Amino acid sequence: MREFKELRSLEERGYGVRWRVESLFSAVKRTFGESVGATSFLGQVVEAKLKFWAYAWMAYLANSLVGRAPGIKV
């Protein structure tokens, strides 16, 4: 029982959530590709942000229109 409480307290402090971030990065790269076409650093940042925005918008539409995976929040 003590081990369960320790594990639960670690999760409450944010440990063990790296897999969620890694899954999101993998999904975005799988959908839009690993590279960016911009040449300047600012352009690369903007392009990366747009990729994540587009992925979030696609996930929102899929959740609201199709009704799948209501627990997934991007």
N, C-alpha and C. Protein backbone atom coordinates (compact mmCIF):
# COMPACT_ATOMS: atom_id res chain seq x y z
N MET A 1 0.82 -1.19 0.00
CA MET A 1 0.00 0.00 0.00
C MET A 1 0.87 1.26 0.00
N ARG A 2 1.99 1.19 0.72
CA ARG A 2 2.87 2.34 0.79
C ARG A 2 3.47 2.67 -0.58
N GLU A 3 3.82 1.64 -1.35
CA GLU A 3 4.38 1.86 -2.68
C GLU A 3 3.38 2.54 -3.59
N PHE A 4 2.12 2.17 -3.47
CA PHE A 4 1.07 2.78 -4.29
C PHE A 4 0.93 4.26 -3.96
N LYS A 5 0.99 4.59 -2.66
CA LYS A 5 0.89 6.00 -2.26
C LYS A 5 2.07 6.81 -2.78
N GLU A 6 3.26 6.20 -2.73
CA GLU A 6 4.44 6.90 -3.25
C GLU A 6 4.33 7.12 -4.75
N LEU A 7 3.86 6.11 -5.47
CA LEU A 7 3.70 6.24 -6.91
C LEU A 7 2.66 7.30 -7.24
N ARG A 8 1.59 7.33 -6.48
CA ARG A 8 0.53 8.31 -6.71
C ARG A 8 1.04 9.73 -6.47
N SER A 9 1.84 9.91 -5.42
CA SER A 9 2.36 11.25 -5.14
C SER A 9 3.34 11.69 -6.23
N LEU A 10 4.08 10.75 -6.81
CA LEU A 10 4.96 11.11 -7.92
C LEU A 10 4.17 11.58 -9.12
N GLU A 11 3.06 10.91 -9.42
CA GLU A 11 2.22 11.30 -10.54
C GLU A 11 1.61 12.68 -10.31
N GLU A 12 1.23 12.96 -9.07
CA GLU A 12 0.65 14.27 -8.76
C GLU A 12 1.65 15.40 -8.95
N ARG A 13 2.94 15.09 -8.75
CA ARG A 13 3.97 16.12 -8.92
C ARG A 13 4.44 16.23 -10.36
N GLY A 14 3.91 15.42 -11.27
CA GLY A 14 4.25 15.57 -12.67
C GLY A 14 5.20 14.53 -13.21
N TYR A 15 5.65 13.60 -12.39
CA TYR A 15 6.54 12.56 -12.88
C TYR A 15 5.73 11.53 -13.66
N GLY A 16 6.34 10.93 -14.64
CA GLY A 16 5.69 9.87 -15.40
C GLY A 16 4.79 10.35 -16.51
N VAL A 17 4.92 11.59 -16.92
CA VAL A 17 4.08 12.10 -17.99
C VAL A 17 4.88 12.33 -19.27
N ARG A 18 6.15 11.96 -19.26
CA ARG A 18 6.98 12.17 -20.45
C ARG A 18 6.42 11.42 -21.65
N TRP A 19 5.84 10.25 -21.43
CA TRP A 19 5.30 9.46 -22.54
C TRP A 19 4.20 10.21 -23.27
N ARG A 20 3.45 11.05 -22.56
CA ARG A 20 2.39 11.83 -23.22
C ARG A 20 3.00 12.84 -24.19
N VAL A 21 4.05 13.51 -23.74
CA VAL A 21 4.71 14.50 -24.59
C VAL A 21 5.36 13.82 -25.78
N GLU A 22 6.04 12.70 -25.53
CA GLU A 22 6.70 11.97 -26.61
C GLU A 22 5.68 11.47 -27.63
N SER A 23 4.52 11.04 -27.14
CA SER A 23 3.46 10.57 -28.06
C SER A 23 2.95 11.71 -28.93
N LEU A 24 2.79 12.89 -28.33
CA LEU A 24 2.33 14.04 -29.10
C LEU A 24 3.35 14.43 -30.17
N PHE A 25 4.63 14.50 -29.79
CA PHE A 25 5.66 14.83 -30.77
C PHE A 25 5.69 13.80 -31.91
N SER A 26 5.58 12.53 -31.56
CA SER A 26 5.60 11.48 -32.58
C SER A 26 4.41 11.60 -33.52
N ALA A 27 3.24 11.90 -32.97
CA ALA A 27 2.05 12.03 -33.80
C ALA A 27 2.16 13.21 -34.76
N VAL A 28 2.67 14.33 -34.25
CA VAL A 28 2.83 15.51 -35.12
C VAL A 28 3.85 15.24 -36.22
N LYS A 29 4.97 14.61 -35.87
CA LYS A 29 5.98 14.30 -36.88
C LYS A 29 5.47 13.29 -37.89
N ARG A 30 4.68 12.32 -37.43
CA ARG A 30 4.12 11.32 -38.35
C ARG A 30 3.13 11.96 -39.31
N THR A 31 2.38 12.95 -38.83
CA THR A 31 1.36 13.60 -39.65
C THR A 31 1.96 14.59 -40.64
N PHE A 32 2.89 15.42 -40.18
CA PHE A 32 3.39 16.52 -40.99
C PHE A 32 4.83 16.37 -41.44
N GLY A 33 5.52 15.34 -41.00
CA GLY A 33 6.91 15.16 -41.36
C GLY A 33 7.85 15.71 -40.31
N GLU A 34 9.09 15.27 -40.37
CA GLU A 34 10.07 15.64 -39.35
C GLU A 34 10.76 16.96 -39.64
N SER A 35 10.75 17.42 -40.88
CA SER A 35 11.53 18.61 -41.21
C SER A 35 10.63 19.81 -41.43
N VAL A 36 11.24 20.98 -41.39
CA VAL A 36 10.56 22.23 -41.71
C VAL A 36 11.22 22.83 -42.93
N GLY A 37 10.46 23.58 -43.69
CA GLY A 37 10.98 24.13 -44.92
C GLY A 37 11.57 25.52 -44.78
N ALA A 38 11.30 26.17 -43.64
CA ALA A 38 11.80 27.53 -43.45
C ALA A 38 13.31 27.53 -43.25
N THR A 39 13.95 28.62 -43.66
CA THR A 39 15.40 28.71 -43.54
C THR A 39 15.83 29.55 -42.33
N SER A 40 15.06 30.55 -41.96
CA SER A 40 15.44 31.36 -40.80
C SER A 40 14.92 30.70 -39.53
N PHE A 41 15.58 31.00 -38.42
CA PHE A 41 15.18 30.41 -37.14
C PHE A 41 13.75 30.80 -36.78
N LEU A 42 13.41 32.07 -36.95
CA LEU A 42 12.06 32.54 -36.64
C LEU A 42 11.03 31.83 -37.52
N GLY A 43 11.35 31.66 -38.78
CA GLY A 43 10.45 30.94 -39.68
C GLY A 43 10.27 29.49 -39.27
N GLN A 44 11.33 28.86 -38.78
CA GLN A 44 11.24 27.47 -38.32
C GLN A 44 10.35 27.36 -37.08
N VAL A 45 10.49 28.34 -36.18
CA VAL A 45 9.66 28.34 -34.97
C VAL A 45 8.19 28.52 -35.34
N VAL A 46 7.92 29.45 -36.23
CA VAL A 46 6.54 29.69 -36.66
C VAL A 46 5.97 28.45 -37.34
N GLU A 47 6.74 27.83 -38.19
CA GLU A 47 6.26 26.63 -38.89
C GLU A 47 5.98 25.49 -37.92
N ALA A 48 6.85 25.32 -36.93
CA ALA A 48 6.64 24.27 -35.94
C ALA A 48 5.38 24.55 -35.12
N LYS A 49 5.18 25.80 -34.73
CA LYS A 49 3.97 26.17 -33.98
C LYS A 49 2.72 25.92 -34.81
N LEU A 50 2.78 26.23 -36.09
CA LEU A 50 1.63 26.00 -36.96
C LEU A 50 1.32 24.51 -37.11
N LYS A 51 2.36 23.68 -37.13
CA LYS A 51 2.14 22.24 -37.20
C LYS A 51 1.41 21.74 -35.96
N PHE A 52 1.83 22.21 -34.79
CA PHE A 52 1.16 21.80 -33.56
C PHE A 52 -0.25 22.36 -33.48
N TRP A 53 -0.45 23.60 -33.95
CA TRP A 53 -1.79 24.18 -33.97
C TRP A 53 -2.69 23.37 -34.90
N ALA A 54 -2.19 23.02 -36.07
CA ALA A 54 -2.99 22.25 -37.03
C ALA A 54 -3.32 20.87 -36.47
N TYR A 55 -2.38 20.25 -35.79
CA TYR A 55 -2.66 18.94 -35.20
C TYR A 55 -3.72 19.05 -34.11
N ALA A 56 -3.63 20.09 -33.28
CA ALA A 56 -4.64 20.30 -32.24
C ALA A 56 -6.01 20.55 -32.86
N TRP A 57 -6.05 21.31 -33.94
CA TRP A 57 -7.31 21.58 -34.62
C TRP A 57 -7.88 20.29 -35.22
N MET A 58 -7.04 19.46 -35.81
CA MET A 58 -7.50 18.19 -36.36
C MET A 58 -8.04 17.28 -35.25
N ALA A 59 -7.36 17.25 -34.11
CA ALA A 59 -7.83 16.43 -32.99
C ALA A 59 -9.14 16.95 -32.45
N TYR A 60 -9.30 18.27 -32.39
CA TYR A 60 -10.55 18.87 -31.94
C TYR A 60 -11.70 18.50 -32.87
N LEU A 61 -11.46 18.62 -34.17
CA LEU A 61 -12.51 18.27 -35.13
C LEU A 61 -12.87 16.80 -35.05
N ALA A 62 -11.87 15.96 -34.92
CA ALA A 62 -12.13 14.52 -34.83
C ALA A 62 -12.94 14.21 -33.58
N ASN A 63 -12.61 14.84 -32.47
CA ASN A 63 -13.34 14.59 -31.23
C ASN A 63 -14.75 15.14 -31.26
N SER A 64 -14.93 16.31 -31.88
CA SER A 64 -16.26 16.92 -31.86
C SER A 64 -17.18 16.36 -32.95
N LEU A 65 -16.64 16.06 -34.13
CA LEU A 65 -17.48 15.60 -35.22
C LEU A 65 -17.72 14.10 -35.19
N VAL A 66 -16.66 13.35 -34.97
CA VAL A 66 -16.77 11.90 -35.01
C VAL A 66 -17.13 11.37 -33.63
N GLY A 67 -16.68 12.05 -32.60
CA GLY A 67 -16.99 11.63 -31.25
C GLY A 67 -16.07 10.57 -30.71
N ARG A 68 -14.92 10.40 -31.33
CA ARG A 68 -13.96 9.41 -30.84
C ARG A 68 -13.02 10.03 -29.84
N ALA A 69 -12.54 9.23 -28.96
CA ALA A 69 -11.52 9.58 -27.97
C ALA A 69 -11.87 10.87 -27.23
N PRO A 70 -13.00 10.90 -26.52
CA PRO A 70 -13.36 12.14 -25.84
C PRO A 70 -12.41 12.50 -24.71
N GLY A 71 -11.63 11.56 -24.22
CA GLY A 71 -10.71 11.85 -23.12
C GLY A 71 -9.41 12.47 -23.57
N ILE A 72 -9.13 12.48 -24.86
CA ILE A 72 -7.87 13.04 -25.36
C ILE A 72 -8.02 14.54 -25.51
N LYS A 73 -7.15 15.25 -24.85
CA LYS A 73 -7.16 16.71 -24.96
C LYS A 73 -5.81 17.16 -25.46
N VAL A 74 -5.82 17.98 -26.47
CA VAL A 74 -4.56 18.47 -27.04
C VAL A 74 -4.44 19.93 -26.71
